[in-house]
């Protein structure tokens, strides 16, 4: 039963009074919205809904707290079958990839289980990996390489686990796997394609041609029937080489740093400046991405949630034609391919000059 207008006003006043009593609450506008939602739900006797909401919020709180500690380190989500044997080629390749990418200053996130997940945690090492374990009637124990670690997170719900995976990941690698791997892969591609997640590399890695039929289906069925655009094929890469998978991710962040949505515009951040000549070329090659105006240099923003440590980066802005994520990826690939030196990043952000990815990228 929906609350009356009078009840809504009463809940709002109660929530506002609580915030005033705390007197220390940051982002009070968002906290107020959450409190009002909970108060409205509490009046309907919907215990099951409240139980689900409370558990989900607690899971996300714990995950966000842990991930925030490592916010200045890029992370790769690794998915694949829990059934991959330890002495098999899929396990060996997943472990090799994890070793390579962790050596390039990335951390690894796995589902904490056996098979590919264990290979990832083993390859990256306990210090450079996370585990996001899902509570199931089977396969519930975390693998030995992440069990007992502070960075092992427990989840009751798949949807909270998926959110935690994607929110802080900067790349997704799919090793051979079953329904769960396919689900995670398609969800990542859907979120990227629709602008609900940051653009990031999605790599399908196999030692035995596992992803070839999937790639063929994507091209010969989905593309040919107009379900996706040809540019959408740029959103993923299929490879049989762990080294090539690692290079695909590192190349994506060679010059490109991050982006944020600002209303109908996109702000791109780069580790090196774009020359006037290069900017002219971008406007010629990628004019189909614009609803109006041009791609232009802009100073870094200073309002809202902007992190001052991002100020040294070069900033480009343009009015974005939403639904063109594949072409946007091609623009970023074009920028990364340019033979220019990367900007020197201030060292105070951590080892290797890491810089934070903004916690509020303005996603739609």
Protein backbone atom coordinates (compact mmCIF):
# COMPACT_ATOMS: atom_id res chain seq x y z
CA UNK A 1 0.00 0.00 0.00
CA UNK A 2 1.47 3.30 -1.06
CA UNK A 3 1.88 5.89 1.72
CA UNK A 4 -0.33 8.95 1.63
CA UNK A 5 1.08 12.40 1.06
CA UNK A 6 0.67 13.11 4.76
CA UNK A 7 2.66 10.00 5.66
CA UNK A 8 5.40 10.94 3.19
CA UNK A 9 5.73 14.33 4.83
CA UNK A 10 5.93 12.69 8.24
CA UNK A 11 8.71 10.31 7.10
CA UNK A 12 10.61 13.18 5.57
CA UNK A 13 10.40 15.21 8.77
CA UNK A 14 11.55 12.20 10.83
CA UNK A 15 14.53 11.59 8.56
CA UNK A 16 15.49 15.27 8.55
CA UNK A 17 15.32 15.37 12.34
CA UNK A 18 17.63 12.35 12.59
CA UNK A 19 20.18 13.94 10.24
CA UNK A 20 20.14 17.14 12.29
CA UNK A 21 20.76 15.15 15.47
CA UNK A 22 23.77 13.40 13.91
CA UNK A 23 25.17 16.76 12.80
CA UNK A 24 28.09 15.10 10.99
CA UNK A 25 26.48 13.39 8.01
CA UNK A 26 28.13 14.04 4.68
CA UNK A 27 26.11 13.84 1.46
CA UNK A 28 22.97 14.40 3.49
CA UNK A 29 20.80 14.63 0.37
CA UNK A 30 21.52 11.02 -0.53
CA UNK A 31 21.30 9.76 3.05
CA UNK A 32 17.91 11.48 3.35
CA UNK A 33 16.60 9.65 0.28
CA UNK A 34 17.72 6.29 1.69
CA UNK A 35 16.20 6.94 5.11
CA UNK A 36 12.88 7.99 3.62
CA UNK A 37 12.74 4.86 1.46
CA UNK A 38 13.35 2.60 4.44
CA UNK A 39 10.75 4.40 6.56
CA UNK A 40 8.13 4.14 3.82
CA UNK A 41 8.81 0.41 3.39
CA UNK A 42 8.59 -0.18 7.15
CA UNK A 43 4.92 0.79 7.33
CA UNK A 44 3.65 -1.89 4.96
CA UNK A 45 4.57 -4.95 6.99
CA UNK A 46 6.69 -6.26 4.12
CA UNK A 47 9.20 -8.14 6.27
CA UNK A 48 10.61 -10.18 3.37
CA UNK A 49 11.30 -7.02 1.37
CA UNK A 50 12.90 -5.32 4.37
CA UNK A 51 15.01 -8.39 5.09
CA UNK A 52 16.31 -8.47 1.53
CA UNK A 53 17.00 -4.72 1.53
CA UNK A 54 18.82 -4.82 4.86
CA UNK A 55 21.02 -7.77 3.82
CA UNK A 56 21.82 -6.19 0.47
CA UNK A 57 22.76 -2.88 2.07
CA UNK A 58 25.00 -4.59 4.62
CA UNK A 59 26.76 -6.60 1.89
CA UNK A 60 27.37 -3.51 -0.20
CA UNK A 61 28.56 -1.52 2.82
CA UNK A 62 31.21 -4.13 3.62
CA UNK A 63 32.31 -4.47 -0.02
CA UNK A 64 32.53 -0.72 -0.59
CA UNK A 65 34.50 -0.23 2.64
CA UNK A 66 37.13 -2.79 1.61
CA UNK A 67 37.37 -1.71 -2.03
CA UNK A 68 37.71 1.94 -1.02
CA UNK A 69 41.00 1.15 0.72
CA UNK A 70 42.43 0.19 -2.68
CA UNK A 71 40.69 2.88 -4.72
CA UNK A 72 43.93 4.11 -6.29
CA UNK A 73 44.75 0.69 -7.78
CA UNK A 74 43.16 -0.53 -11.00
CA UNK A 75 41.47 -3.91 -10.77
CA UNK A 76 40.63 -6.74 -13.19
CA UNK A 77 37.62 -9.01 -12.68
CA UNK A 78 38.41 -12.60 -13.69
CA UNK A 79 35.56 -15.02 -14.42
CA UNK A 80 35.61 -18.68 -15.38
CA UNK A 81 34.49 -22.15 -14.42
CA UNK A 82 34.81 -23.48 -10.89
CA UNK A 83 35.13 -26.91 -12.53
CA UNK A 84 38.41 -26.28 -14.32
CA UNK A 85 40.89 -28.88 -12.98
CA UNK A 86 44.06 -27.63 -11.35
CA UNK A 87 46.24 -29.66 -13.69
CA UNK A 88 44.43 -28.50 -16.85
CA UNK A 89 45.30 -25.86 -19.49
CA UNK A 90 42.51 -23.44 -18.52
CA UNK A 91 43.74 -23.26 -14.92
CA UNK A 92 47.33 -22.82 -16.07
CA UNK A 93 46.42 -20.00 -18.44
CA UNK A 94 44.27 -18.18 -15.87
CA UNK A 95 47.12 -18.39 -13.36
CA UNK A 96 49.60 -17.11 -15.96
CA UNK A 97 47.35 -14.16 -16.82
CA UNK A 98 46.95 -13.28 -13.14
CA UNK A 99 50.71 -13.32 -12.65
CA UNK A 100 51.25 -11.07 -15.67
CA UNK A 101 48.57 -8.50 -14.88
CA UNK A 102 49.50 -8.23 -11.18
CA UNK A 103 53.09 -7.58 -12.25
CA UNK A 104 51.74 -4.58 -14.18
CA UNK A 105 50.36 -3.00 -10.99
CA UNK A 106 46.78 -4.27 -11.29
CA UNK A 107 44.87 -6.15 -8.61
CA UNK A 108 42.64 -9.12 -9.39
CA UNK A 109 39.05 -9.81 -8.30
CA UNK A 110 37.70 -13.36 -8.48
CA UNK A 111 34.66 -15.19 -7.17
CA UNK A 112 36.90 -16.82 -4.53
CA UNK A 113 35.91 -20.36 -5.48
CA UNK A 114 37.87 -23.24 -7.04
CA UNK A 115 38.90 -23.68 -10.67
CA UNK A 116 39.62 -20.48 -12.60
CA UNK A 117 38.94 -18.40 -9.50
CA UNK A 118 41.59 -20.23 -7.50
CA UNK A 119 44.00 -19.92 -10.43
CA UNK A 120 43.49 -16.16 -10.44
CA UNK A 121 44.06 -15.77 -6.71
CA UNK A 122 47.08 -18.06 -6.86
CA UNK A 123 48.64 -16.21 -9.79
CA UNK A 124 48.07 -12.71 -8.43
CA UNK A 125 48.93 -13.68 -4.87
CA UNK A 126 47.04 -12.95 -1.68
CA UNK A 127 48.36 -9.39 -1.40
CA UNK A 128 47.15 -8.39 -4.86
CA UNK A 129 43.80 -10.15 -5.10
CA UNK A 130 40.25 -10.04 -3.79
CA UNK A 131 37.67 -12.78 -3.43
CA UNK A 132 33.93 -12.22 -3.74
CA UNK A 133 32.35 -15.42 -2.49
CA UNK A 134 28.69 -16.25 -3.09
CA UNK A 135 26.76 -18.33 -0.56
CA UNK A 136 25.43 -21.43 -2.37
CA UNK A 137 24.25 -24.91 -1.30
CA UNK A 138 27.53 -26.09 -2.89
CA UNK A 139 30.94 -24.59 -3.76
CA UNK A 140 30.71 -22.18 -0.82
CA UNK A 141 34.20 -22.46 0.66
CA UNK A 142 36.75 -19.90 -0.48
CA UNK A 143 39.86 -21.26 -2.16
CA UNK A 144 43.05 -21.62 -0.15
CA UNK A 145 44.73 -18.65 -1.83
CA UNK A 146 42.24 -16.07 -0.50
CA UNK A 147 40.55 -17.86 2.45
CA UNK A 148 40.81 -15.90 5.67
CA UNK A 149 42.02 -12.74 3.95
CA UNK A 150 40.62 -9.31 4.82
CA UNK A 151 39.82 -8.87 1.11
CA UNK A 152 37.54 -11.91 1.03
CA UNK A 153 33.95 -10.63 0.78
CA UNK A 154 30.90 -12.81 1.41
CA UNK A 155 27.63 -12.32 -0.50
CA UNK A 156 24.18 -13.82 -0.16
CA UNK A 157 22.83 -12.29 -3.36
CA UNK A 158 24.19 -12.46 -6.89
CA UNK A 159 22.98 -8.94 -7.70
CA UNK A 160 24.98 -7.30 -4.90
CA UNK A 161 28.02 -9.40 -5.83
CA UNK A 162 27.72 -8.37 -9.48
CA UNK A 163 27.47 -4.71 -8.51
CA UNK A 164 30.58 -4.99 -6.34
CA UNK A 165 32.45 -6.74 -9.16
CA UNK A 166 31.65 -4.16 -11.84
CA UNK A 167 31.72 -0.98 -9.75
CA UNK A 168 35.44 -1.11 -9.03
CA UNK A 169 36.73 -3.15 -11.98
CA UNK A 170 38.71 -1.58 -14.80
CA UNK A 171 38.73 -4.65 -17.04
CA UNK A 172 36.92 -7.99 -17.33
CA UNK A 173 38.59 -11.24 -18.40
CA UNK A 174 36.43 -14.24 -19.25
CA UNK A 175 38.05 -17.66 -19.16
CA UNK A 176 36.14 -20.77 -20.29
CA UNK A 177 33.11 -21.27 -18.09
CA UNK A 178 29.43 -22.12 -17.91
CA UNK A 179 26.20 -20.21 -17.32
CA UNK A 180 27.73 -17.98 -14.63
CA UNK A 181 30.64 -16.92 -16.83
CA UNK A 182 28.32 -16.23 -19.76
CA UNK A 183 26.03 -14.25 -17.47
CA UNK A 184 28.88 -12.11 -16.12
CA UNK A 185 30.30 -11.55 -19.59
CA UNK A 186 27.04 -10.50 -21.21
CA UNK A 187 26.13 -8.31 -18.25
CA UNK A 188 29.47 -6.52 -18.42
CA UNK A 189 29.05 -5.95 -22.16
CA UNK A 190 25.45 -4.77 -21.66
CA UNK A 191 26.41 -2.28 -18.96
CA UNK A 192 29.27 -0.93 -21.06
CA UNK A 193 27.19 -0.78 -24.23
CA UNK A 194 24.36 1.11 -22.51
CA UNK A 195 26.58 3.53 -20.59
CA UNK A 196 25.66 2.08 -17.19
CA UNK A 197 29.31 1.22 -16.55
CA UNK A 198 32.59 2.82 -17.46
CA UNK A 199 34.17 1.77 -20.72
CA UNK A 200 36.69 -0.97 -19.99
CA UNK A 201 38.36 -3.84 -21.83
CA UNK A 202 36.48 -7.14 -21.97
CA UNK A 203 38.78 -10.01 -22.95
CA UNK A 204 37.69 -13.56 -23.79
CA UNK A 205 40.72 -15.72 -23.00
CA UNK A 206 41.07 -19.39 -23.93
CA UNK A 207 43.80 -21.96 -24.56
CA UNK A 208 41.67 -24.20 -26.78
CA UNK A 209 39.31 -22.18 -29.02
CA UNK A 210 36.53 -22.11 -26.38
CA UNK A 211 35.34 -18.61 -27.35
CA UNK A 212 35.55 -19.06 -31.14
CA UNK A 213 31.97 -20.32 -31.53
CA UNK A 214 30.71 -17.56 -29.23
CA UNK A 215 32.53 -14.96 -31.30
CA UNK A 216 31.16 -16.51 -34.51
CA UNK A 217 27.61 -16.41 -33.10
CA UNK A 218 28.05 -12.77 -32.12
CA UNK A 219 29.25 -11.83 -35.59
CA UNK A 220 27.15 -14.13 -37.78
CA UNK A 221 23.86 -14.00 -35.86
CA UNK A 222 23.68 -10.96 -33.58
CA UNK A 223 25.47 -8.59 -35.97
CA UNK A 224 23.93 -9.91 -39.19
CA UNK A 225 20.44 -9.65 -37.73
CA UNK A 226 21.05 -6.09 -36.59
CA UNK A 227 20.92 -6.88 -32.88
CA UNK A 228 24.26 -5.10 -32.36
CA UNK A 229 26.28 -2.67 -34.46
CA UNK A 230 29.59 -3.46 -36.11
CA UNK A 231 31.28 -0.98 -33.76
CA UNK A 232 30.04 -3.05 -30.79
CA UNK A 233 32.53 -5.73 -31.79
CA UNK A 234 35.18 -3.32 -30.51
CA UNK A 235 33.86 -3.81 -26.98
CA UNK A 236 35.51 -7.22 -26.59
CA UNK A 237 38.60 -9.11 -27.70
CA UNK A 238 39.11 -12.85 -28.14
CA UNK A 239 42.62 -14.20 -27.64
CA UNK A 240 44.42 -17.45 -26.85
CA UNK A 241 47.39 -15.62 -25.29
CA UNK A 242 47.59 -14.56 -21.65
CA UNK A 243 50.27 -12.06 -22.62
CA UNK A 244 48.03 -10.54 -25.31
CA UNK A 245 45.13 -10.31 -22.84
CA UNK A 246 47.40 -8.46 -20.44
CA UNK A 247 48.59 -6.13 -23.19
CA UNK A 248 45.01 -5.38 -24.30
CA UNK A 249 44.22 -4.10 -20.80
CA UNK A 250 47.44 -2.16 -20.33
CA UNK A 251 47.14 -0.54 -23.77
CA UNK A 252 43.64 0.68 -22.94
CA UNK A 253 45.08 2.70 -20.05
CA UNK A 254 48.26 3.71 -21.85
CA UNK A 255 47.00 7.23 -22.48
CA UNK A 256 43.33 7.11 -21.53
CA UNK A 257 42.69 7.51 -17.80
CA UNK A 258 38.94 7.75 -17.22
CA UNK A 259 35.76 9.53 -18.19
CA UNK A 260 32.63 10.93 -16.62
CA UNK A 261 29.23 11.89 -17.95
CA UNK A 262 28.15 15.50 -17.50
CA UNK A 263 24.53 15.62 -18.55
CA UNK A 264 24.54 15.05 -22.30
CA UNK A 265 28.31 15.48 -22.55
CA UNK A 266 31.31 13.26 -21.90
CA UNK A 267 34.50 14.40 -20.25
CA UNK A 268 37.53 12.30 -21.22
CA UNK A 269 40.69 12.39 -19.09
CA UNK A 270 44.03 11.62 -20.72
CA UNK A 271 47.56 11.14 -19.40
CA UNK A 272 49.02 13.31 -22.17
CA UNK A 273 47.81 16.40 -23.97
CA UNK A 274 46.13 16.30 -27.39
CA UNK A 275 47.67 18.56 -30.03
CA UNK A 276 45.52 20.86 -32.16
CA UNK A 277 46.32 18.70 -35.18
CA UNK A 278 45.26 15.55 -33.38
CA UNK A 279 42.09 17.24 -32.13
CA UNK A 280 41.21 18.21 -35.70
CA UNK A 281 41.66 14.57 -36.75
CA UNK A 282 39.42 13.37 -33.93
CA UNK A 283 36.66 15.73 -35.01
CA UNK A 284 36.92 14.48 -38.58
CA UNK A 285 36.98 10.76 -37.77
CA UNK A 286 34.49 10.67 -34.93
CA UNK A 287 31.96 13.37 -35.78
CA UNK A 288 29.21 10.69 -35.66
CA UNK A 289 29.66 10.61 -31.86
CA UNK A 290 28.57 14.23 -31.52
CA UNK A 291 25.06 15.57 -31.22
CA UNK A 292 26.35 19.11 -31.72
CA UNK A 293 29.50 21.18 -31.51
CA UNK A 294 32.99 19.70 -31.55
CA UNK A 295 35.43 17.73 -29.43
CA UNK A 296 37.33 20.39 -27.52
CA UNK A 297 39.99 21.00 -24.90
CA UNK A 298 38.54 22.10 -21.55
CA UNK A 299 40.06 22.90 -18.16
CA UNK A 300 39.47 20.36 -15.38
CA UNK A 301 36.23 20.90 -13.46
CA UNK A 302 36.38 22.18 -9.92
CA UNK A 303 32.84 21.60 -8.70
CA UNK A 304 31.02 18.63 -7.21
CA UNK A 305 32.91 15.39 -6.56
CA UNK A 306 35.93 16.27 -8.69
CA UNK A 307 39.16 14.91 -7.19
CA UNK A 308 41.89 17.52 -7.18
CA UNK A 309 44.49 14.85 -7.92
CA UNK A 310 42.96 14.46 -11.41
CA UNK A 311 43.75 18.08 -12.22
CA UNK A 312 47.07 17.39 -14.03
CA UNK A 313 45.31 15.25 -16.63
CA UNK A 314 44.34 16.59 -20.05
CA UNK A 315 40.57 16.95 -20.48
CA UNK A 316 38.45 16.66 -23.62
CA UNK A 317 34.70 17.27 -23.73
CA UNK A 318 32.02 16.75 -26.34
CA UNK A 319 28.27 16.43 -26.61
CA UNK A 320 27.76 12.67 -26.81
CA UNK A 321 25.29 10.75 -28.97
CA UNK A 322 24.31 8.05 -26.48
CA UNK A 323 24.19 4.47 -27.69
CA UNK A 324 27.56 4.66 -29.49
CA UNK A 325 29.75 2.89 -26.94
CA UNK A 326 31.48 0.84 -29.63
CA UNK A 327 32.50 3.97 -31.49
CA UNK A 328 33.53 5.63 -28.23
CA UNK A 329 35.81 2.66 -27.60
CA UNK A 330 37.28 3.14 -31.08
CA UNK A 331 37.98 6.80 -30.27
CA UNK A 332 39.82 5.77 -27.12
CA UNK A 333 41.78 3.15 -29.06
CA UNK A 334 42.72 5.86 -31.56
CA UNK A 335 44.01 8.10 -28.76
CA UNK A 336 45.95 5.25 -27.18
CA UNK A 337 47.60 4.37 -30.50
CA UNK A 338 49.13 7.83 -30.91
CA UNK A 339 52.95 7.85 -30.52
CA UNK A 340 53.08 10.32 -27.62
CA UNK A 341 54.70 10.03 -24.19
CA UNK A 342 52.43 9.54 -21.21
CA UNK A 343 52.07 12.46 -18.80
CA UNK A 344 54.05 12.19 -15.61
CA UNK A 345 51.61 11.52 -12.80
CA UNK A 346 52.13 13.06 -9.32
CA UNK A 347 53.72 10.39 -7.07
CA UNK A 348 51.73 11.21 -3.95
CA UNK A 349 48.87 9.00 -5.12
CA UNK A 350 50.79 5.84 -4.40
CA UNK A 351 53.30 3.42 -5.78
CA UNK A 352 53.80 3.83 -9.51
CA UNK A 353 52.08 7.22 -9.53
CA UNK A 354 48.61 5.71 -9.40
CA UNK A 355 45.69 8.07 -9.57
CA UNK A 356 42.13 7.51 -8.33
CA UNK A 357 39.22 6.79 -10.60
CA UNK A 358 36.50 9.19 -9.57
CA UNK A 359 33.95 7.63 -7.23
CA UNK A 360 31.05 9.45 -8.89
CA UNK A 361 31.57 9.25 -12.66
CA UNK A 362 28.07 10.52 -13.39
CA UNK A 363 26.91 7.30 -15.04
CA UNK A 364 23.41 7.24 -16.46
